[in-house]
């Protein structure tokens, strides 16, 4: 935080002001068939390592699936002797510039940008209906605010959380403890 403050001249001092760079949420819900299932979502802007990693795992009673955008089967290595001027990193959030580097063929496809952009353009042109609506976005915000309530209260909170229309998270109030 002090390096960021000193070198980037950012107006916020992250040694004194909280910032979110990691989140984990566990969701328990019932399927239409009455089964209780668990979901987990984790995100971090502070992943240390080469490449932009997107991953997912699916576990069931008789099956599992794992996907990681950096497991392309193609890797690249740059020695420490590679020299060049500082420039644009290979990809957004690239942590390393030497050593082992994953190569993700067709990154726009792997990260979903190609399909998202095509869908957005078709919706904008009136050729198809949006797959996600304002109501979907509102549900996501409600889920996140319920997760904040759960973290702050240290207990499971039923969805939707309590008084979400007036709720402000401790992080937004600059009151979250380190």
N, C-alpha and C. Protein backbone atom coordinates (compact mmCIF):
# COMPACT_ATOMS: atom_id res chain seq x y z
N UNK A 1 0.82 -1.19 0.00
CA UNK A 1 0.00 0.00 0.00
C UNK A 1 0.86 1.25 0.00
N UNK A 2 1.95 1.23 0.75
CA UNK A 2 2.81 2.42 0.79
C UNK A 2 3.53 2.62 -0.54
N UNK A 3 3.92 1.52 -1.21
CA UNK A 3 4.56 1.63 -2.52
C UNK A 3 3.57 2.22 -3.52
N UNK A 4 2.33 1.74 -3.50
CA UNK A 4 1.30 2.27 -4.39
C UNK A 4 1.12 3.77 -4.15
N UNK A 5 1.03 4.16 -2.90
CA UNK A 5 0.84 5.57 -2.55
C UNK A 5 2.02 6.41 -3.04
N UNK A 6 3.24 5.95 -2.78
CA UNK A 6 4.43 6.73 -3.11
C UNK A 6 4.72 6.79 -4.60
N UNK A 7 4.60 5.65 -5.29
CA UNK A 7 4.97 5.60 -6.70
C UNK A 7 3.86 6.05 -7.64
N UNK A 8 2.62 5.75 -7.31
CA UNK A 8 1.53 6.07 -8.22
C UNK A 8 0.85 7.39 -7.89
N UNK A 9 1.19 7.95 -6.75
CA UNK A 9 0.61 9.24 -6.33
C UNK A 9 -0.91 9.18 -6.30
N UNK A 10 -1.45 8.05 -5.85
CA UNK A 10 -2.90 7.91 -5.75
C UNK A 10 -3.41 8.73 -4.58
N UNK A 11 -4.59 9.33 -4.71
CA UNK A 11 -5.10 10.19 -3.65
C UNK A 11 -5.59 9.44 -2.41
N UNK A 12 -5.71 8.13 -2.50
CA UNK A 12 -6.20 7.34 -1.37
C UNK A 12 -5.03 6.61 -0.72
N UNK A 13 -4.94 6.70 0.58
CA UNK A 13 -3.90 6.00 1.34
C UNK A 13 -4.49 4.67 1.81
N UNK A 14 -4.14 3.59 1.10
CA UNK A 14 -4.71 2.28 1.41
C UNK A 14 -4.17 1.69 2.71
N UNK A 15 -3.18 2.33 3.33
CA UNK A 15 -2.76 1.87 4.65
C UNK A 15 -3.76 2.31 5.71
N UNK A 16 -4.61 3.29 5.37
CA UNK A 16 -5.60 3.80 6.32
C UNK A 16 -7.04 3.58 5.87
N UNK A 17 -7.24 3.39 4.58
CA UNK A 17 -8.58 3.23 4.02
C UNK A 17 -8.76 1.80 3.54
N UNK A 18 -9.82 1.12 3.95
CA UNK A 18 -10.00 -0.27 3.52
C UNK A 18 -10.26 -0.37 2.03
N UNK A 19 -9.84 -1.47 1.46
CA UNK A 19 -10.09 -1.74 0.05
C UNK A 19 -10.35 -3.23 -0.10
N UNK A 20 -11.24 -3.55 -0.99
CA UNK A 20 -11.57 -4.95 -1.20
C UNK A 20 -10.78 -5.49 -2.38
N UNK A 21 -10.05 -6.56 -2.16
CA UNK A 21 -9.36 -7.21 -3.26
C UNK A 21 -9.57 -8.71 -3.24
N UNK A 22 -10.39 -9.18 -2.32
CA UNK A 22 -10.69 -10.61 -2.26
C UNK A 22 -12.08 -10.77 -1.67
N UNK A 23 -12.84 -11.69 -2.20
CA UNK A 23 -14.16 -12.00 -1.63
C UNK A 23 -14.47 -13.47 -1.86
N UNK A 24 -15.16 -14.05 -0.91
CA UNK A 24 -15.61 -15.43 -1.01
C UNK A 24 -17.02 -15.51 -0.45
N UNK A 25 -17.89 -16.18 -1.17
CA UNK A 25 -19.28 -16.28 -0.76
C UNK A 25 -19.73 -17.73 -0.88
N UNK A 26 -20.40 -18.22 0.14
CA UNK A 26 -20.96 -19.57 0.14
C UNK A 26 -22.48 -19.43 0.13
N UNK A 27 -23.12 -20.12 -0.80
CA UNK A 27 -24.57 -20.03 -0.95
C UNK A 27 -25.16 -21.42 -0.80
N UNK A 28 -26.17 -21.54 0.03
CA UNK A 28 -26.90 -22.80 0.20
C UNK A 28 -28.31 -22.57 -0.34
N UNK A 29 -28.75 -23.44 -1.23
CA UNK A 29 -30.10 -23.27 -1.77
C UNK A 29 -30.72 -24.62 -2.09
N UNK A 30 -32.02 -24.60 -2.33
CA UNK A 30 -32.76 -25.82 -2.67
C UNK A 30 -33.07 -25.83 -4.16
N UNK A 31 -32.90 -27.01 -4.76
CA UNK A 31 -33.24 -27.16 -6.17
C UNK A 31 -34.75 -27.35 -6.30
N UNK A 32 -35.24 -27.32 -7.52
CA UNK A 32 -36.67 -27.56 -7.76
C UNK A 32 -37.08 -28.96 -7.32
N UNK A 33 -36.11 -29.89 -7.26
CA UNK A 33 -36.39 -31.26 -6.82
C UNK A 33 -36.30 -31.42 -5.31
N UNK A 34 -36.01 -30.33 -4.59
CA UNK A 34 -35.95 -30.38 -3.14
C UNK A 34 -34.60 -30.70 -2.53
N UNK A 35 -33.56 -30.83 -3.36
CA UNK A 35 -32.23 -31.10 -2.83
C UNK A 35 -31.59 -29.81 -2.32
N UNK A 36 -30.84 -29.93 -1.24
CA UNK A 36 -30.04 -28.81 -0.76
C UNK A 36 -28.68 -28.89 -1.43
N UNK A 37 -28.28 -27.82 -2.08
CA UNK A 37 -26.99 -27.78 -2.77
C UNK A 37 -26.20 -26.57 -2.29
N UNK A 38 -24.91 -26.64 -2.46
CA UNK A 38 -24.02 -25.57 -2.04
C UNK A 38 -23.34 -24.96 -3.25
N UNK A 39 -23.18 -23.66 -3.22
CA UNK A 39 -22.45 -22.95 -4.25
C UNK A 39 -21.40 -22.09 -3.58
N UNK A 40 -20.32 -21.86 -4.26
CA UNK A 40 -19.26 -21.02 -3.71
C UNK A 40 -18.72 -20.15 -4.83
N UNK A 41 -18.52 -18.90 -4.55
CA UNK A 41 -17.92 -17.98 -5.52
C UNK A 41 -16.77 -17.27 -4.83
N UNK A 42 -15.64 -17.20 -5.50
CA UNK A 42 -14.47 -16.52 -4.96
C UNK A 42 -13.91 -15.62 -6.05
N UNK A 43 -13.51 -14.43 -5.67
CA UNK A 43 -12.90 -13.53 -6.63
C UNK A 43 -11.77 -12.79 -5.96
N UNK A 44 -10.77 -12.42 -6.75
CA UNK A 44 -9.65 -11.66 -6.21
C UNK A 44 -8.98 -10.88 -7.32
N UNK A 45 -8.75 -9.61 -7.05
CA UNK A 45 -7.96 -8.79 -7.97
C UNK A 45 -6.48 -8.88 -7.60
N UNK A 46 -6.18 -9.58 -6.52
CA UNK A 46 -4.79 -9.63 -6.05
C UNK A 46 -4.14 -10.98 -6.31
N UNK A 47 -4.68 -11.77 -7.23
CA UNK A 47 -4.06 -13.05 -7.58
C UNK A 47 -2.64 -12.78 -8.05
N UNK A 48 -1.67 -13.41 -7.41
CA UNK A 48 -0.28 -13.21 -7.77
C UNK A 48 0.16 -14.36 -8.65
N UNK A 49 0.55 -14.04 -9.84
CA UNK A 49 1.01 -15.06 -10.77
C UNK A 49 0.83 -14.57 -12.19
N UNK A 50 1.35 -15.30 -13.14
CA UNK A 50 1.24 -14.88 -14.52
C UNK A 50 -0.16 -15.11 -15.07
N UNK A 51 -0.59 -14.22 -15.91
CA UNK A 51 -1.85 -14.43 -16.62
C UNK A 51 -3.09 -14.02 -15.87
N UNK A 52 -4.16 -13.92 -16.61
CA UNK A 52 -5.48 -13.62 -16.05
C UNK A 52 -6.19 -14.96 -15.88
N UNK A 53 -6.40 -15.36 -14.64
CA UNK A 53 -6.93 -16.70 -14.36
C UNK A 53 -8.43 -16.64 -14.14
N UNK A 54 -9.15 -17.41 -14.92
CA UNK A 54 -10.58 -17.65 -14.70
C UNK A 54 -10.71 -19.15 -14.49
N UNK A 55 -11.43 -19.55 -13.45
CA UNK A 55 -11.54 -20.98 -13.20
C UNK A 55 -12.90 -21.30 -12.60
N UNK A 56 -13.28 -22.55 -12.73
CA UNK A 56 -14.55 -23.02 -12.16
C UNK A 56 -14.41 -24.50 -11.85
N UNK A 57 -15.12 -24.94 -10.83
CA UNK A 57 -15.18 -26.35 -10.48
C UNK A 57 -16.63 -26.71 -10.23
N UNK A 58 -17.01 -27.89 -10.65
CA UNK A 58 -18.35 -28.41 -10.43
C UNK A 58 -18.21 -29.79 -9.80
N UNK A 59 -18.82 -29.97 -8.64
CA UNK A 59 -18.75 -31.25 -7.94
C UNK A 59 -20.15 -31.77 -7.73
N UNK A 60 -20.37 -33.02 -8.04
CA UNK A 60 -21.67 -33.65 -7.83
C UNK A 60 -21.49 -34.99 -7.16
N UNK A 61 -22.58 -35.71 -6.96
CA UNK A 61 -22.49 -36.99 -6.25
C UNK A 61 -21.68 -38.03 -7.02
N UNK A 62 -21.69 -37.97 -8.33
CA UNK A 62 -20.98 -38.97 -9.14
C UNK A 62 -20.16 -38.32 -10.25
N UNK A 63 -19.84 -37.05 -10.12
CA UNK A 63 -19.11 -36.39 -11.19
C UNK A 63 -18.37 -35.17 -10.64
N UNK A 64 -17.41 -34.71 -11.43
CA UNK A 64 -16.74 -33.45 -11.14
C UNK A 64 -16.21 -32.89 -12.45
N UNK A 65 -16.02 -31.60 -12.46
CA UNK A 65 -15.49 -30.92 -13.63
C UNK A 65 -14.62 -29.77 -13.13
N UNK A 66 -13.52 -29.52 -13.81
CA UNK A 66 -12.63 -28.43 -13.44
C UNK A 66 -12.19 -27.73 -14.71
N UNK A 67 -12.20 -26.39 -14.65
CA UNK A 67 -11.79 -25.60 -15.80
C UNK A 67 -10.95 -24.44 -15.30
N UNK A 68 -9.84 -24.17 -16.01
CA UNK A 68 -8.97 -23.05 -15.67
C UNK A 68 -8.45 -22.47 -16.98
N UNK A 69 -8.65 -21.18 -17.17
CA UNK A 69 -8.26 -20.55 -18.43
C UNK A 69 -6.76 -20.62 -18.68
N UNK A 70 -5.95 -20.85 -17.65
CA UNK A 70 -4.50 -20.92 -17.84
C UNK A 70 -4.02 -22.32 -18.17
N UNK A 71 -4.91 -23.31 -18.16
CA UNK A 71 -4.54 -24.68 -18.51
C UNK A 71 -4.79 -24.94 -19.99
N UNK A 72 -4.06 -24.23 -20.83
CA UNK A 72 -4.29 -24.37 -22.27
C UNK A 72 -3.43 -25.45 -22.90
N UNK A 73 -2.48 -25.97 -22.15
CA UNK A 73 -1.57 -26.95 -22.73
C UNK A 73 -0.37 -26.29 -23.40
N UNK A 74 -0.37 -24.98 -23.48
CA UNK A 74 0.72 -24.24 -24.12
C UNK A 74 1.30 -23.27 -23.10
N UNK A 75 2.60 -23.36 -22.87
CA UNK A 75 3.26 -22.47 -21.92
C UNK A 75 4.50 -21.88 -22.56
N UNK A 76 4.92 -20.76 -22.05
CA UNK A 76 6.04 -20.01 -22.58
C UNK A 76 6.96 -19.66 -21.42
N UNK A 77 8.25 -19.59 -21.66
CA UNK A 77 9.19 -19.22 -20.60
C UNK A 77 10.07 -18.09 -21.10
N UNK A 78 10.18 -17.02 -20.30
CA UNK A 78 11.10 -15.92 -20.59
C UNK A 78 12.17 -15.92 -19.50
N UNK A 79 13.44 -15.97 -19.90
CA UNK A 79 14.51 -15.95 -18.90
C UNK A 79 14.67 -14.55 -18.32
N UNK A 80 15.45 -14.48 -17.26
CA UNK A 80 15.71 -13.19 -16.64
C UNK A 80 16.58 -12.31 -17.53
N UNK A 81 17.20 -12.92 -18.53
CA UNK A 81 18.08 -12.16 -19.41
C UNK A 81 17.32 -11.41 -20.50
N UNK A 82 16.03 -11.66 -20.64
CA UNK A 82 15.24 -10.92 -21.63
C UNK A 82 15.21 -9.47 -21.19
N UNK A 83 15.59 -8.58 -22.08
CA UNK A 83 15.63 -7.17 -21.74
C UNK A 83 14.80 -6.39 -22.74
N UNK A 84 14.18 -5.36 -22.26
CA UNK A 84 13.40 -4.48 -23.12
C UNK A 84 12.86 -3.35 -22.28
N UNK A 85 12.36 -2.35 -22.95
CA UNK A 85 11.81 -1.21 -22.21
C UNK A 85 10.47 -1.61 -21.61
N UNK A 86 10.12 -0.90 -20.56
CA UNK A 86 8.84 -1.15 -19.92
C UNK A 86 7.75 -0.74 -20.89
N UNK A 87 6.79 -1.59 -21.06
CA UNK A 87 5.71 -1.28 -21.98
C UNK A 87 4.43 -1.93 -21.52
N UNK A 88 3.53 -2.08 -22.44
CA UNK A 88 2.25 -2.70 -22.10
C UNK A 88 2.48 -4.16 -21.76
N UNK A 89 1.90 -4.60 -20.66
CA UNK A 89 2.02 -6.00 -20.30
C UNK A 89 1.28 -6.86 -21.30
N UNK A 90 1.58 -8.16 -21.27
CA UNK A 90 0.96 -9.07 -22.22
C UNK A 90 -0.55 -9.06 -22.12
N UNK A 91 -1.07 -9.05 -20.91
CA UNK A 91 -2.51 -8.99 -20.72
C UNK A 91 -2.82 -8.16 -19.49
N UNK A 92 -4.07 -7.79 -19.37
CA UNK A 92 -4.53 -7.06 -18.19
C UNK A 92 -4.21 -7.86 -16.94
N UNK A 93 -3.73 -7.19 -15.91
CA UNK A 93 -3.43 -7.79 -14.61
C UNK A 93 -2.27 -8.79 -14.67
N UNK A 94 -1.45 -8.71 -15.69
CA UNK A 94 -0.30 -9.60 -15.79
C UNK A 94 0.65 -9.32 -14.64
N UNK A 95 0.97 -10.34 -13.87
CA UNK A 95 1.83 -10.16 -12.69
C UNK A 95 3.30 -10.35 -13.04
N UNK A 96 3.60 -11.28 -13.91
CA UNK A 96 4.99 -11.62 -14.18
C UNK A 96 5.39 -11.22 -15.59
N UNK A 97 6.65 -10.85 -15.76
CA UNK A 97 7.17 -10.54 -17.09
C UNK A 97 8.32 -11.46 -17.47
N UNK A 98 8.75 -12.29 -16.52
CA UNK A 98 9.75 -13.30 -16.81
C UNK A 98 9.30 -14.60 -16.15
N UNK A 99 9.93 -15.68 -16.56
CA UNK A 99 9.58 -16.98 -16.00
C UNK A 99 8.50 -17.65 -16.82
N UNK A 100 7.83 -18.62 -16.21
CA UNK A 100 6.80 -19.37 -16.91
C UNK A 100 5.55 -18.53 -17.13
N UNK A 101 5.06 -18.56 -18.34
CA UNK A 101 3.86 -17.80 -18.70
C UNK A 101 2.88 -18.71 -19.42
N UNK A 102 1.63 -18.72 -18.99
CA UNK A 102 0.64 -19.48 -19.75
C UNK A 102 0.29 -18.73 -21.03
N UNK A 103 -0.02 -19.48 -22.05
CA UNK A 103 -0.47 -18.89 -23.31
C UNK A 103 -1.91 -19.33 -23.50
N UNK A 104 -2.80 -18.38 -23.63
CA UNK A 104 -4.22 -18.68 -23.80
C UNK A 104 -4.58 -18.35 -25.25
N UNK A 105 -4.67 -19.37 -26.11
CA UNK A 105 -5.06 -19.11 -27.49
C UNK A 105 -6.46 -18.51 -27.54
N UNK A 106 -6.67 -17.57 -28.40
CA UNK A 106 -7.99 -16.94 -28.60
C UNK A 106 -8.54 -16.41 -27.28
N UNK A 107 -7.77 -15.52 -26.64
CA UNK A 107 -8.19 -14.98 -25.34
C UNK A 107 -9.61 -14.40 -25.34
N UNK A 108 -10.02 -13.66 -26.38
CA UNK A 108 -11.39 -13.12 -26.34
C UNK A 108 -12.45 -14.21 -26.23
N UNK A 109 -12.18 -15.37 -26.82
CA UNK A 109 -13.13 -16.48 -26.73
C UNK A 109 -13.06 -17.09 -25.33
N UNK A 110 -11.84 -17.31 -24.82
CA UNK A 110 -11.67 -17.94 -23.50
C UNK A 110 -12.30 -17.11 -22.40
N UNK A 111 -12.18 -15.79 -22.49
CA UNK A 111 -12.70 -14.92 -21.43
C UNK A 111 -14.13 -14.49 -21.68
N UNK A 112 -14.69 -14.86 -22.82
CA UNK A 112 -16.09 -14.56 -23.07
C UNK A 112 -16.35 -13.24 -23.76
N UNK A 113 -15.31 -12.45 -24.01
CA UNK A 113 -15.53 -11.11 -24.57
C UNK A 113 -16.16 -11.16 -25.95
N UNK A 114 -15.73 -12.10 -26.76
CA UNK A 114 -16.24 -12.18 -28.13
C UNK A 114 -17.75 -12.38 -28.13
N UNK A 115 -18.23 -13.34 -27.37
CA UNK A 115 -19.67 -13.62 -27.31
C UNK A 115 -20.42 -12.47 -26.66
N UNK A 116 -19.87 -11.89 -25.58
CA UNK A 116 -20.52 -10.76 -24.92
C UNK A 116 -20.66 -9.58 -25.86
N UNK A 117 -19.59 -9.25 -26.56
CA UNK A 117 -19.62 -8.10 -27.47
C UNK A 117 -20.60 -8.33 -28.61
N UNK A 118 -20.59 -9.53 -29.17
CA UNK A 118 -21.52 -9.84 -30.26
C UNK A 118 -22.97 -9.72 -29.78
N UNK A 119 -23.25 -10.27 -28.60
CA UNK A 119 -24.61 -10.21 -28.05
C UNK A 119 -25.01 -8.75 -27.79
N UNK A 120 -24.11 -7.96 -27.20
CA UNK A 120 -24.42 -6.56 -26.92
C UNK A 120 -24.75 -5.81 -28.21
N UNK A 121 -23.95 -6.01 -29.24
CA UNK A 121 -24.20 -5.33 -30.51
C UNK A 121 -25.55 -5.74 -31.10
N UNK A 122 -25.88 -7.02 -31.03
CA UNK A 122 -27.16 -7.49 -31.57
C UNK A 122 -28.34 -6.94 -30.77
N UNK A 123 -28.19 -6.83 -29.46
CA UNK A 123 -29.25 -6.22 -28.64
C UNK A 123 -29.39 -4.75 -28.99
N UNK A 124 -28.28 -4.05 -29.09
CA UNK A 124 -28.28 -2.62 -29.41
C UNK A 124 -28.95 -2.36 -30.76
N UNK A 125 -28.74 -3.27 -31.71
CA UNK A 125 -29.35 -3.14 -33.03
C UNK A 125 -30.80 -3.61 -33.07
N UNK A 126 -31.30 -4.12 -31.95
CA UNK A 126 -32.68 -4.59 -31.89
C UNK A 126 -32.90 -5.95 -32.51
N UNK A 127 -31.83 -6.72 -32.67
CA UNK A 127 -31.93 -8.02 -33.32
C UNK A 127 -32.23 -9.16 -32.35
N UNK A 128 -32.01 -8.93 -31.06
CA UNK A 128 -32.34 -9.95 -30.06
C UNK A 128 -32.56 -9.28 -28.71
N UNK A 129 -33.20 -10.01 -27.83
CA UNK A 129 -33.48 -9.51 -26.48
C UNK A 129 -32.25 -9.76 -25.58
N UNK A 130 -32.02 -8.88 -24.62
CA UNK A 130 -30.88 -9.11 -23.72
C UNK A 130 -31.05 -10.38 -22.90
N UNK A 131 -29.97 -11.11 -22.74
CA UNK A 131 -30.00 -12.32 -21.92
C UNK A 131 -30.08 -11.97 -20.44
N UNK A 132 -29.47 -10.85 -20.08
CA UNK A 132 -29.50 -10.36 -18.71
C UNK A 132 -30.18 -9.00 -18.69
N UNK A 133 -31.03 -8.80 -17.71
CA UNK A 133 -31.82 -7.57 -17.64
C UNK A 133 -31.43 -6.76 -16.41
N UNK A 134 -32.05 -5.59 -16.29
CA UNK A 134 -31.86 -4.76 -15.10
C UNK A 134 -32.25 -5.55 -13.85
N UNK A 135 -33.33 -6.31 -13.95
CA UNK A 135 -33.78 -7.12 -12.80
C UNK A 135 -32.71 -8.14 -12.40
N UNK A 136 -32.03 -8.73 -13.39
CA UNK A 136 -30.94 -9.67 -13.08
C UNK A 136 -29.81 -8.94 -12.35
N UNK A 137 -29.47 -7.76 -12.82
CA UNK A 137 -28.43 -6.96 -12.17
C UNK A 137 -28.81 -6.60 -10.74
N UNK A 138 -30.08 -6.26 -10.54
CA UNK A 138 -30.56 -5.93 -9.19
C UNK A 138 -30.46 -7.15 -8.28
N UNK A 139 -30.77 -8.33 -8.80
CA UNK A 139 -30.63 -9.56 -8.00
C UNK A 139 -29.17 -9.79 -7.59
N UNK A 140 -28.23 -9.50 -8.49
CA UNK A 140 -26.81 -9.65 -8.16
C UNK A 140 -26.43 -8.69 -7.03
N UNK A 141 -26.89 -7.44 -7.12
CA UNK A 141 -26.58 -6.47 -6.06
C UNK A 141 -27.19 -6.92 -4.74
N UNK A 142 -28.42 -7.43 -4.78
CA UNK A 142 -29.06 -7.93 -3.55
C UNK A 142 -28.25 -9.09 -2.96
N UNK A 143 -27.75 -9.97 -3.83
CA UNK A 143 -26.95 -11.09 -3.34
C UNK A 143 -25.66 -10.59 -2.69
N UNK A 144 -25.01 -9.62 -3.32
CA UNK A 144 -23.78 -9.07 -2.75
C UNK A 144 -24.04 -8.37 -1.43
N UNK A 145 -25.11 -7.59 -1.34
CA UNK A 145 -25.42 -6.89 -0.10
C UNK A 145 -25.78 -7.88 1.02
N UNK A 146 -26.46 -8.97 0.65
CA UNK A 146 -26.76 -10.02 1.63
C UNK A 146 -25.46 -10.67 2.10
N UNK A 147 -24.50 -10.86 1.20
CA UNK A 147 -23.20 -11.42 1.58
C UNK A 147 -22.48 -10.48 2.54
N UNK A 148 -22.54 -9.18 2.28
CA UNK A 148 -21.95 -8.20 3.21
C UNK A 148 -22.59 -8.32 4.59
N UNK A 149 -23.92 -8.41 4.62
CA UNK A 149 -24.61 -8.53 5.91
C UNK A 149 -24.15 -9.79 6.64
N UNK A 150 -24.03 -10.88 5.92
CA UNK A 150 -23.58 -12.14 6.53
C UNK A 150 -22.18 -11.99 7.11
N UNK A 151 -21.27 -11.37 6.35
CA UNK A 151 -19.90 -11.18 6.83
C UNK A 151 -19.87 -10.29 8.07
N UNK A 152 -20.64 -9.23 8.05
CA UNK A 152 -20.64 -8.29 9.17
C UNK A 152 -21.27 -8.90 10.42
N UNK A 153 -22.28 -9.73 10.23
CA UNK A 153 -22.98 -10.32 11.38
C UNK A 153 -22.37 -11.65 11.82
N UNK A 154 -21.49 -12.21 10.99
CA UNK A 154 -20.84 -13.46 11.34
C UNK A 154 -21.78 -14.64 11.39
N UNK A 155 -22.80 -14.62 10.55
CA UNK A 155 -23.78 -15.71 10.54
C UNK A 155 -24.39 -15.83 9.15
N UNK A 156 -25.08 -16.93 8.91
CA UNK A 156 -25.81 -17.11 7.65
C UNK A 156 -27.01 -16.17 7.64
N UNK A 157 -27.22 -15.50 6.52
CA UNK A 157 -28.35 -14.59 6.37
C UNK A 157 -29.20 -15.10 5.21
N UNK A 158 -30.50 -15.22 5.44
CA UNK A 158 -31.41 -15.65 4.38
C UNK A 158 -31.48 -14.60 3.28
N UNK A 159 -31.64 -15.06 2.05
CA UNK A 159 -31.78 -14.16 0.90
C UNK A 159 -33.25 -13.87 0.66
N UNK A 160 -33.60 -12.64 0.35
CA UNK A 160 -32.74 -11.46 0.37
C UNK A 160 -32.50 -10.99 1.79
N UNK A 161 -31.40 -10.29 1.98
CA UNK A 161 -31.04 -9.80 3.31
C UNK A 161 -32.06 -8.84 3.89
N UNK A 162 -31.73 -8.35 5.06
CA UNK A 162 -32.65 -7.49 5.79
C UNK A 162 -32.45 -6.02 5.42
N UNK A 163 -33.56 -5.32 5.10
CA UNK A 163 -33.54 -3.87 4.83
C UNK A 163 -32.49 -3.49 3.79
N UNK A 164 -32.45 -4.20 2.69
CA UNK A 164 -31.43 -3.94 1.67
C UNK A 164 -31.55 -2.56 1.04
N UNK A 165 -32.77 -2.00 1.03
CA UNK A 165 -32.96 -0.68 0.42
C UNK A 165 -32.21 0.41 1.17
N UNK A 166 -31.95 0.20 2.45
CA UNK A 166 -31.26 1.22 3.25
C UNK A 166 -29.90 0.76 3.76
N UNK A 167 -29.52 -0.46 3.46
CA UNK A 167 -28.26 -1.03 3.97
C UNK A 167 -27.06 -0.42 3.26
N UNK A 168 -26.04 -0.07 4.03
CA UNK A 168 -24.74 0.36 3.50
C UNK A 168 -23.68 -0.49 4.18
N UNK A 169 -22.83 -1.11 3.40
CA UNK A 169 -21.82 -2.01 3.97
C UNK A 169 -20.81 -1.25 4.81
N UNK A 170 -20.18 -1.97 5.74
CA UNK A 170 -19.15 -1.37 6.58
C UNK A 170 -17.98 -0.84 5.75
N UNK A 171 -17.65 -1.53 4.66
CA UNK A 171 -16.57 -1.05 3.79
C UNK A 171 -16.95 0.29 3.19
N UNK A 172 -18.19 0.43 2.74
CA UNK A 172 -18.65 1.71 2.17
C UNK A 172 -18.70 2.81 3.21
N UNK A 173 -18.88 2.44 4.47
CA UNK A 173 -18.89 3.42 5.56
C UNK A 173 -17.48 3.65 6.12
N UNK A 174 -16.46 3.01 5.51
CA UNK A 174 -15.07 3.09 5.97
C UNK A 174 -14.91 2.60 7.40
N UNK A 175 -15.67 1.56 7.75
CA UNK A 175 -15.64 1.03 9.12
C UNK A 175 -15.19 -0.42 9.20
N UNK A 176 -14.83 -1.04 8.07
CA UNK A 176 -14.45 -2.45 8.10
C UNK A 176 -13.10 -2.60 8.79
N UNK A 177 -13.01 -3.60 9.65
CA UNK A 177 -11.77 -3.83 10.39
C UNK A 177 -10.80 -4.63 9.54
N UNK A 178 -9.51 -4.44 9.78
CA UNK A 178 -8.48 -5.19 9.05
C UNK A 178 -8.32 -6.55 9.62
